Structure formats: C-alpha cells, structure tokens
Amino acid sequence: MSRSLAFRPLLLTPLWALLAAARPLPHEVWAGTAMATDGSAMRGDLEMFAGKAPGTTFVELAQRNDTPGARRTWRVRHGTCAKPGMVFGDSAAYPVIRIGTDGKGIGAVTLRLAMPDTGDFHVAVAASPRDARRVACGDLVLED
C-alpha cells in the first residue's frame, strides 16, 4: 500500500468528527406540569420521550396532592391549554389514574407514534372517567 493511501483515513477522521459534532442532536424529552384549574395544590408532572421500540412514544403522568380515591382520565393533546386540539395518539390507550390514600397516582402509556420533534402539546386531566370536566392542564416544553 502506498504511503499516501495509508494516511487518507487518518485525514478524513477529524473532518467527519467535526461534521458530526456540528449536527444538532435530537430533542430528548417533552415535559410539563398540569396545574389544577380550581387553584388547589393538585399537580401532575408529565414526561414524554421516545419509546424503546422504534416509532413509539412513552408518556408518564405522576399526580400528587390529589383527592384520595379519585380516578383521573388524562390525555396528551395537540395545541395548548388555551387552544386545545386533538388527542395525541389513541385516546383509549391512556389508562385511568387511580389516586391512592397518599394523594398520588401514576399513569403510563406507550403510544404507537414516533415522538414529535416540533409542535404544541399539552396534558389535560379530567375529573373522572364519567366526568370530562378539565380539572388540571399544563403545556409541554421540548427540552434538549
């Protein structure tokens, strides 16, 4: 092998490393806090990120300071709390959150949709499976 061919990979490696470093990294997680609409201390912390399987999104909502024994329905929706849109994913996929005696409950779902990298999203929490009245809402922010 000639000397010039032997050094070619070494010359290209630093250039490739510079190009890879200049590429923007994909966003990691959407996050938000659902605040009670009646001013109570109820909160729900939401994270949404790429699922383990390709083309999926994992979503988890952790409620706290909620009414013990309550059952909450929740959905991630397109748009904002002020201008809500359609449900993100299959509405039936979101499980009911059962609030324990400590006022806490967790709901988690893996949706068969790729995690979005743009747009507006929010989490809406309803009073119960039979009462769609919104009791908490929070806009999501895309974090790096």
N, C-alpha and C. Protein backbone atom coordinates (compact mmCIF):
# COMPACT_ATOMS: atom_id res chain seq x y z
N MET A 1 0.86 -1.17 0.00
CA MET A 1 0.00 0.00 0.00
C MET A 1 0.90 1.23 0.00
N SER A 2 0.55 2.20 -0.80
CA SER A 2 1.37 3.39 -0.87
C SER A 2 1.18 4.23 0.39
N ARG A 3 2.14 5.06 0.63
CA ARG A 3 2.13 5.88 1.84
C ARG A 3 0.95 6.86 1.83
N SER A 4 0.59 7.43 0.69
CA SER A 4 -0.50 8.41 0.63
C SER A 4 -1.85 7.76 0.94
N LEU A 5 -2.08 6.52 0.50
CA LEU A 5 -3.33 5.84 0.80
C LEU A 5 -3.42 5.44 2.27
N ALA A 6 -2.30 5.15 2.88
CA ALA A 6 -2.31 4.75 4.28
C ALA A 6 -2.72 5.89 5.20
N PHE A 7 -2.44 7.13 4.82
CA PHE A 7 -2.77 8.27 5.66
C PHE A 7 -4.15 8.85 5.37
N ARG A 8 -4.79 8.47 4.29
CA ARG A 8 -6.08 9.05 3.91
C ARG A 8 -7.15 8.85 5.01
N PRO A 9 -7.35 7.65 5.58
CA PRO A 9 -8.36 7.52 6.63
C PRO A 9 -8.08 8.42 7.83
N LEU A 10 -6.82 8.61 8.15
CA LEU A 10 -6.49 9.47 9.27
C LEU A 10 -6.85 10.93 8.99
N LEU A 11 -6.74 11.35 7.76
CA LEU A 11 -7.08 12.73 7.40
C LEU A 11 -8.58 12.95 7.40
N LEU A 12 -9.36 11.93 7.00
CA LEU A 12 -10.81 12.07 6.92
C LEU A 12 -11.48 11.97 8.29
N THR A 13 -10.88 11.27 9.22
CA THR A 13 -11.48 11.08 10.54
C THR A 13 -11.73 12.40 11.26
N PRO A 14 -10.77 13.29 11.35
CA PRO A 14 -11.06 14.56 12.04
C PRO A 14 -12.16 15.37 11.35
N LEU A 15 -12.22 15.35 10.03
CA LEU A 15 -13.27 16.07 9.30
C LEU A 15 -14.63 15.48 9.62
N TRP A 16 -14.77 14.16 9.63
CA TRP A 16 -16.03 13.50 9.96
C TRP A 16 -16.45 13.85 11.39
N ALA A 17 -15.50 13.85 12.31
CA ALA A 17 -15.81 14.17 13.71
C ALA A 17 -16.33 15.60 13.84
N LEU A 18 -15.76 16.54 13.10
CA LEU A 18 -16.23 17.92 13.14
C LEU A 18 -17.64 18.04 12.58
N LEU A 19 -17.93 17.34 11.48
CA LEU A 19 -19.28 17.39 10.90
C LEU A 19 -20.31 16.77 11.83
N ALA A 20 -19.96 15.66 12.45
CA ALA A 20 -20.89 15.01 13.38
C ALA A 20 -21.16 15.89 14.59
N ALA A 21 -20.14 16.59 15.07
CA ALA A 21 -20.32 17.45 16.24
C ALA A 21 -21.18 18.67 15.90
N ALA A 22 -21.16 19.13 14.65
CA ALA A 22 -21.92 20.31 14.24
C ALA A 22 -23.40 20.01 14.03
N ARG A 23 -23.75 18.73 13.82
CA ARG A 23 -25.15 18.35 13.62
C ARG A 23 -25.94 18.56 14.90
N PRO A 24 -27.14 19.13 14.82
CA PRO A 24 -27.93 19.27 16.05
C PRO A 24 -28.38 17.91 16.55
N LEU A 25 -28.36 17.74 17.85
CA LEU A 25 -28.83 16.49 18.46
C LEU A 25 -30.34 16.49 18.50
N PRO A 26 -30.97 15.32 18.40
CA PRO A 26 -32.43 15.27 18.50
C PRO A 26 -32.87 15.64 19.92
N HIS A 27 -34.05 16.18 20.02
CA HIS A 27 -34.58 16.53 21.33
C HIS A 27 -34.83 15.26 22.13
N GLU A 28 -34.68 15.39 23.42
CA GLU A 28 -34.76 14.23 24.28
C GLU A 28 -36.13 13.99 24.90
N VAL A 29 -36.77 15.07 25.38
CA VAL A 29 -37.99 14.86 26.16
C VAL A 29 -38.90 16.10 26.10
N TRP A 30 -40.20 15.83 26.11
CA TRP A 30 -41.20 16.88 26.33
C TRP A 30 -41.55 16.78 27.81
N ALA A 31 -41.70 17.91 28.48
CA ALA A 31 -42.04 17.90 29.90
C ALA A 31 -43.02 19.02 30.21
N GLY A 32 -43.82 18.80 31.24
CA GLY A 32 -44.77 19.83 31.66
C GLY A 32 -45.39 19.48 32.99
N THR A 33 -46.06 20.47 33.57
CA THR A 33 -46.76 20.29 34.84
C THR A 33 -48.21 20.69 34.67
N ALA A 34 -49.11 19.76 34.95
CA ALA A 34 -50.55 20.05 34.90
C ALA A 34 -50.93 20.70 36.23
N MET A 35 -51.39 21.92 36.15
CA MET A 35 -51.80 22.67 37.34
C MET A 35 -53.32 22.59 37.46
N ALA A 36 -53.80 22.49 38.70
CA ALA A 36 -55.24 22.42 38.95
C ALA A 36 -55.93 23.67 38.42
N THR A 37 -57.10 23.50 37.83
CA THR A 37 -57.85 24.64 37.29
C THR A 37 -58.62 25.39 38.38
N ASP A 38 -58.79 24.76 39.56
CA ASP A 38 -59.54 25.42 40.63
C ASP A 38 -58.63 26.07 41.68
N GLY A 39 -57.32 26.10 41.40
CA GLY A 39 -56.39 26.72 42.34
C GLY A 39 -55.92 25.84 43.47
N SER A 40 -56.36 24.57 43.49
CA SER A 40 -55.92 23.66 44.55
C SER A 40 -54.44 23.30 44.35
N ALA A 41 -53.90 22.52 45.25
CA ALA A 41 -52.49 22.13 45.20
C ALA A 41 -52.23 20.93 44.28
N MET A 42 -53.28 20.38 43.65
CA MET A 42 -53.10 19.23 42.78
C MET A 42 -52.14 19.57 41.64
N ARG A 43 -51.19 18.66 41.38
CA ARG A 43 -50.23 18.83 40.30
C ARG A 43 -50.03 17.50 39.61
N GLY A 44 -49.68 17.58 38.35
CA GLY A 44 -49.32 16.38 37.60
C GLY A 44 -48.08 16.66 36.79
N ASP A 45 -47.02 15.89 37.00
CA ASP A 45 -45.78 16.06 36.26
C ASP A 45 -45.75 15.07 35.11
N LEU A 46 -45.56 15.58 33.89
CA LEU A 46 -45.59 14.74 32.70
C LEU A 46 -44.25 14.75 31.99
N GLU A 47 -43.84 13.57 31.53
CA GLU A 47 -42.69 13.44 30.64
C GLU A 47 -43.12 12.58 29.45
N MET A 48 -42.63 12.98 28.28
CA MET A 48 -42.92 12.26 27.04
C MET A 48 -41.61 12.14 26.28
N PHE A 49 -41.22 10.90 25.95
CA PHE A 49 -39.96 10.70 25.24
C PHE A 49 -40.07 9.47 24.35
N ALA A 50 -39.06 9.28 23.50
CA ALA A 50 -39.07 8.16 22.56
C ALA A 50 -39.16 6.84 23.33
N GLY A 51 -40.04 5.95 22.84
CA GLY A 51 -40.19 4.65 23.47
C GLY A 51 -39.03 3.73 23.13
N LYS A 52 -39.01 2.57 23.75
CA LYS A 52 -37.94 1.60 23.50
C LYS A 52 -37.99 1.04 22.09
N ALA A 53 -39.19 0.81 21.57
CA ALA A 53 -39.34 0.30 20.21
C ALA A 53 -39.34 1.47 19.23
N PRO A 54 -38.76 1.29 18.06
CA PRO A 54 -38.77 2.36 17.07
C PRO A 54 -40.20 2.80 16.73
N GLY A 55 -40.38 4.11 16.55
CA GLY A 55 -41.69 4.62 16.16
C GLY A 55 -42.70 4.68 17.28
N THR A 56 -42.24 4.63 18.54
CA THR A 56 -43.17 4.72 19.67
C THR A 56 -42.78 5.89 20.57
N THR A 57 -43.75 6.32 21.37
CA THR A 57 -43.54 7.39 22.34
C THR A 57 -44.05 6.92 23.69
N PHE A 58 -43.23 7.08 24.72
CA PHE A 58 -43.61 6.72 26.08
C PHE A 58 -44.04 7.98 26.80
N VAL A 59 -45.17 7.92 27.50
CA VAL A 59 -45.70 9.07 28.23
C VAL A 59 -46.03 8.63 29.65
N GLU A 60 -45.63 9.47 30.63
CA GLU A 60 -45.94 9.16 32.03
C GLU A 60 -46.41 10.44 32.73
N LEU A 61 -47.51 10.31 33.45
CA LEU A 61 -48.06 11.41 34.24
C LEU A 61 -48.09 10.98 35.70
N ALA A 62 -47.44 11.73 36.56
CA ALA A 62 -47.41 11.45 38.00
C ALA A 62 -48.20 12.54 38.73
N GLN A 63 -49.36 12.15 39.27
CA GLN A 63 -50.23 13.08 40.00
C GLN A 63 -49.80 13.11 41.47
N ARG A 64 -49.96 14.28 42.10
CA ARG A 64 -49.70 14.42 43.54
C ARG A 64 -50.64 15.48 44.10
N ASN A 65 -50.80 15.47 45.39
CA ASN A 65 -51.70 16.41 46.08
C ASN A 65 -53.12 16.33 45.53
N ASP A 66 -53.52 15.14 45.12
CA ASP A 66 -54.85 14.93 44.54
C ASP A 66 -55.78 14.35 45.60
N THR A 67 -57.04 14.26 45.28
CA THR A 67 -58.05 13.73 46.19
C THR A 67 -57.90 12.22 46.32
N PRO A 68 -57.65 11.71 47.53
CA PRO A 68 -57.54 10.26 47.71
C PRO A 68 -58.79 9.55 47.19
N GLY A 69 -58.56 8.47 46.46
CA GLY A 69 -59.65 7.69 45.90
C GLY A 69 -60.16 8.17 44.55
N ALA A 70 -59.70 9.32 44.10
CA ALA A 70 -60.16 9.84 42.80
C ALA A 70 -59.63 8.96 41.67
N ARG A 71 -60.35 8.97 40.58
CA ARG A 71 -59.94 8.29 39.35
C ARG A 71 -59.88 9.36 38.27
N ARG A 72 -58.70 9.55 37.68
CA ARG A 72 -58.49 10.62 36.71
C ARG A 72 -58.23 10.06 35.31
N THR A 73 -58.89 10.64 34.34
CA THR A 73 -58.53 10.35 32.95
C THR A 73 -57.64 11.49 32.49
N TRP A 74 -56.77 11.18 31.57
CA TRP A 74 -55.78 12.15 31.09
C TRP A 74 -55.41 11.85 29.66
N ARG A 75 -54.99 12.87 28.96
CA ARG A 75 -54.57 12.72 27.57
C ARG A 75 -53.51 13.78 27.26
N VAL A 76 -52.55 13.41 26.43
CA VAL A 76 -51.70 14.42 25.80
C VAL A 76 -52.47 14.84 24.56
N ARG A 77 -52.54 16.14 24.34
CA ARG A 77 -53.29 16.69 23.22
C ARG A 77 -52.41 17.65 22.42
N HIS A 78 -52.71 17.76 21.16
CA HIS A 78 -52.07 18.79 20.33
C HIS A 78 -52.57 20.15 20.83
N GLY A 79 -51.82 21.21 20.53
CA GLY A 79 -52.21 22.54 20.92
C GLY A 79 -51.78 22.88 22.33
N THR A 80 -52.40 23.91 22.88
CA THR A 80 -52.07 24.39 24.22
C THR A 80 -53.31 24.31 25.11
N CYS A 81 -53.12 24.56 26.39
CA CYS A 81 -54.28 24.59 27.29
C CYS A 81 -55.27 25.66 26.84
N ALA A 82 -54.75 26.77 26.34
CA ALA A 82 -55.62 27.86 25.89
C ALA A 82 -56.30 27.55 24.55
N LYS A 83 -55.63 26.77 23.70
CA LYS A 83 -56.19 26.41 22.38
C LYS A 83 -55.99 24.91 22.16
N PRO A 84 -56.80 24.07 22.84
CA PRO A 84 -56.61 22.62 22.75
C PRO A 84 -56.98 22.07 21.37
N GLY A 85 -56.26 21.00 21.01
CA GLY A 85 -56.52 20.31 19.75
C GLY A 85 -56.87 18.85 20.01
N MET A 86 -56.63 18.04 19.00
CA MET A 86 -56.97 16.61 19.04
C MET A 86 -56.03 15.85 19.99
N VAL A 87 -56.48 14.68 20.43
CA VAL A 87 -55.68 13.80 21.28
C VAL A 87 -54.47 13.32 20.49
N PHE A 88 -53.32 13.26 21.15
CA PHE A 88 -52.10 12.71 20.57
C PHE A 88 -52.13 11.20 20.78
N GLY A 89 -52.28 10.46 19.70
CA GLY A 89 -52.34 9.00 19.79
C GLY A 89 -53.76 8.50 19.98
N ASP A 90 -53.86 7.24 20.37
CA ASP A 90 -55.15 6.58 20.57
C ASP A 90 -55.71 6.96 21.95
N SER A 91 -56.84 7.62 21.96
CA SER A 91 -57.46 8.06 23.21
C SER A 91 -57.69 6.91 24.18
N ALA A 92 -58.03 5.74 23.66
CA ALA A 92 -58.32 4.59 24.51
C ALA A 92 -57.06 3.99 25.14
N ALA A 93 -55.89 4.35 24.65
CA ALA A 93 -54.64 3.78 25.16
C ALA A 93 -54.26 4.35 26.53
N TYR A 94 -54.75 5.54 26.85
CA TYR A 94 -54.37 6.19 28.11
C TYR A 94 -55.13 5.54 29.27
N PRO A 95 -54.41 4.98 30.25
CA PRO A 95 -55.08 4.32 31.37
C PRO A 95 -55.62 5.34 32.38
N VAL A 96 -56.63 4.94 33.11
CA VAL A 96 -57.16 5.76 34.20
C VAL A 96 -56.12 5.77 35.32
N ILE A 97 -55.92 6.93 35.92
CA ILE A 97 -55.01 7.04 37.07
C ILE A 97 -55.84 6.92 38.34
N ARG A 98 -55.50 5.96 39.17
CA ARG A 98 -56.16 5.77 40.46
C ARG A 98 -55.33 6.45 41.53
N ILE A 99 -55.93 7.40 42.21
CA ILE A 99 -55.22 8.16 43.23
C ILE A 99 -55.28 7.41 44.55
N GLY A 100 -54.12 7.18 45.14
CA GLY A 100 -54.03 6.43 46.40
C GLY A 100 -54.38 7.28 47.61
N THR A 101 -54.32 6.64 48.77
CA THR A 101 -54.64 7.33 50.02
C THR A 101 -53.66 8.45 50.32
N ASP A 102 -52.48 8.41 49.68
CA ASP A 102 -51.47 9.45 49.87
C ASP A 102 -51.65 10.62 48.89
N GLY A 103 -52.70 10.57 48.05
CA GLY A 103 -52.94 11.64 47.10
C GLY A 103 -52.11 11.55 45.84
N LYS A 104 -51.45 10.40 45.64
CA LYS A 104 -50.57 10.22 44.47
C LYS A 104 -51.07 9.11 43.56
N GLY A 105 -50.76 9.23 42.29
CA GLY A 105 -51.09 8.20 41.31
C GLY A 105 -50.27 8.41 40.05
N ILE A 106 -50.02 7.32 39.33
CA ILE A 106 -49.21 7.38 38.12
C ILE A 106 -49.93 6.69 36.97
N GLY A 107 -49.88 7.33 35.82
CA GLY A 107 -50.38 6.74 34.58
C GLY A 107 -49.25 6.71 33.57
N ALA A 108 -49.10 5.61 32.86
CA ALA A 108 -48.05 5.49 31.85
C ALA A 108 -48.60 4.75 30.64
N VAL A 109 -48.14 5.15 29.46
CA VAL A 109 -48.59 4.53 28.23
C VAL A 109 -47.49 4.62 27.18
N THR A 110 -47.40 3.60 26.35
CA THR A 110 -46.54 3.64 25.17
C THR A 110 -47.46 3.76 23.96
N LEU A 111 -47.32 4.85 23.23
CA LEU A 111 -48.15 5.12 22.06
C LEU A 111 -47.43 4.66 20.79
N ARG A 112 -48.19 4.18 19.84
CA ARG A 112 -47.61 3.72 18.58
C ARG A 112 -47.46 4.88 17.60
N LEU A 113 -46.76 5.90 18.05
CA LEU A 113 -46.44 7.08 17.25
C LEU A 113 -45.01 7.48 17.56
N ALA A 114 -44.29 7.95 16.56
CA ALA A 114 -42.95 8.45 16.81
C ALA A 114 -43.02 9.72 17.64
N MET A 115 -42.04 9.92 18.50
CA MET A 115 -42.03 11.12 19.32
C MET A 115 -41.89 12.35 18.42
N PRO A 116 -42.79 13.32 18.59
CA PRO A 116 -42.71 14.51 17.76
C PRO A 116 -41.52 15.39 18.14
N ASP A 117 -40.98 16.07 17.15
CA ASP A 117 -39.84 16.96 17.38
C ASP A 117 -40.25 18.42 17.29
N THR A 118 -41.49 18.67 16.88
CA THR A 118 -41.99 20.04 16.77
C THR A 118 -43.48 20.04 17.12
N GLY A 119 -44.01 21.23 17.31
CA GLY A 119 -45.44 21.39 17.54
C GLY A 119 -45.75 21.88 18.94
N ASP A 120 -47.03 21.98 19.21
CA ASP A 120 -47.51 22.38 20.53
C ASP A 120 -48.30 21.22 21.11
N PHE A 121 -48.03 20.91 22.38
CA PHE A 121 -48.70 19.82 23.07
C PHE A 121 -48.99 20.25 24.50
N HIS A 122 -50.02 19.63 25.08
CA HIS A 122 -50.34 19.87 26.49
C HIS A 122 -50.94 18.60 27.06
N VAL A 123 -50.98 18.52 28.38
CA VAL A 123 -51.64 17.40 29.05
C VAL A 123 -52.90 17.96 29.71
N ALA A 124 -53.99 17.25 29.52
CA ALA A 124 -55.27 17.62 30.13
C ALA A 124 -55.72 16.49 31.04
N VAL A 125 -56.12 16.83 32.26
CA VAL A 125 -56.58 15.86 33.25
C VAL A 125 -58.06 16.12 33.51
N ALA A 126 -58.87 15.06 33.40
CA ALA A 126 -60.32 15.19 33.60
C ALA A 126 -60.71 14.72 35.00
N ALA A 127 -61.88 15.17 35.44
CA ALA A 127 -62.37 14.87 36.78
C ALA A 127 -62.50 13.37 37.04
N SER A 128 -63.01 12.62 36.06
CA SER A 128 -63.19 11.18 36.23
C SER A 128 -63.51 10.56 34.87
N PRO A 129 -63.57 9.22 34.81
CA PRO A 129 -63.95 8.60 33.54
C PRO A 129 -65.35 9.00 33.06
N ARG A 130 -66.23 9.39 33.97
CA ARG A 130 -67.60 9.77 33.59
C ARG A 130 -67.82 11.28 33.54
N ASP A 131 -66.82 12.04 33.96
CA ASP A 131 -66.93 13.49 34.01
C ASP A 131 -65.71 14.09 33.28
N ALA A 132 -65.93 14.55 32.06
CA ALA A 132 -64.84 15.05 31.21
C ALA A 132 -64.41 16.47 31.56
N ARG A 133 -64.99 17.05 32.60
CA ARG A 133 -64.60 18.39 33.02
C ARG A 133 -63.10 18.43 33.31
N ARG A 134 -62.40 19.39 32.72
CA ARG A 134 -60.96 19.51 32.92
C ARG A 134 -60.67 20.05 34.31
N VAL A 135 -59.88 19.29 35.10
CA VAL A 135 -59.53 19.72 36.45
C VAL A 135 -58.06 20.17 36.55
N ALA A 136 -57.26 19.85 35.54
CA ALA A 136 -55.87 20.28 35.50
C ALA A 136 -55.38 20.30 34.07
N CYS A 137 -54.43 21.19 33.78
CA CYS A 137 -53.89 21.30 32.43
C CYS A 137 -52.49 21.88 32.51
N GLY A 138 -51.64 21.49 31.58
CA GLY A 138 -50.29 22.04 31.51
C GLY A 138 -49.69 21.90 30.13
N ASP A 139 -49.12 22.99 29.63
CA ASP A 139 -48.45 22.96 28.33
C ASP A 139 -47.11 22.23 28.46
N LEU A 140 -46.71 21.55 27.39
CA LEU A 140 -45.46 20.81 27.39
C LEU A 140 -44.38 21.62 26.68
N VAL A 141 -43.16 21.45 27.16
CA VAL A 141 -42.00 22.13 26.59
C VAL A 141 -41.02 21.07 26.11
N LEU A 142 -40.48 21.28 24.92
CA LEU A 142 -39.49 20.36 24.37
C LEU A 142 -38.12 20.72 24.93
N GLU A 143 -37.54 19.79 25.68
CA GLU A 143 -36.24 20.03 26.30
C GLU A 143 -35.16 19.28 25.55
N ASP A 144 -33.96 19.85 25.57
CA ASP A 144 -32.80 19.20 24.92
C ASP A 144 -32.11 18.26 25.86
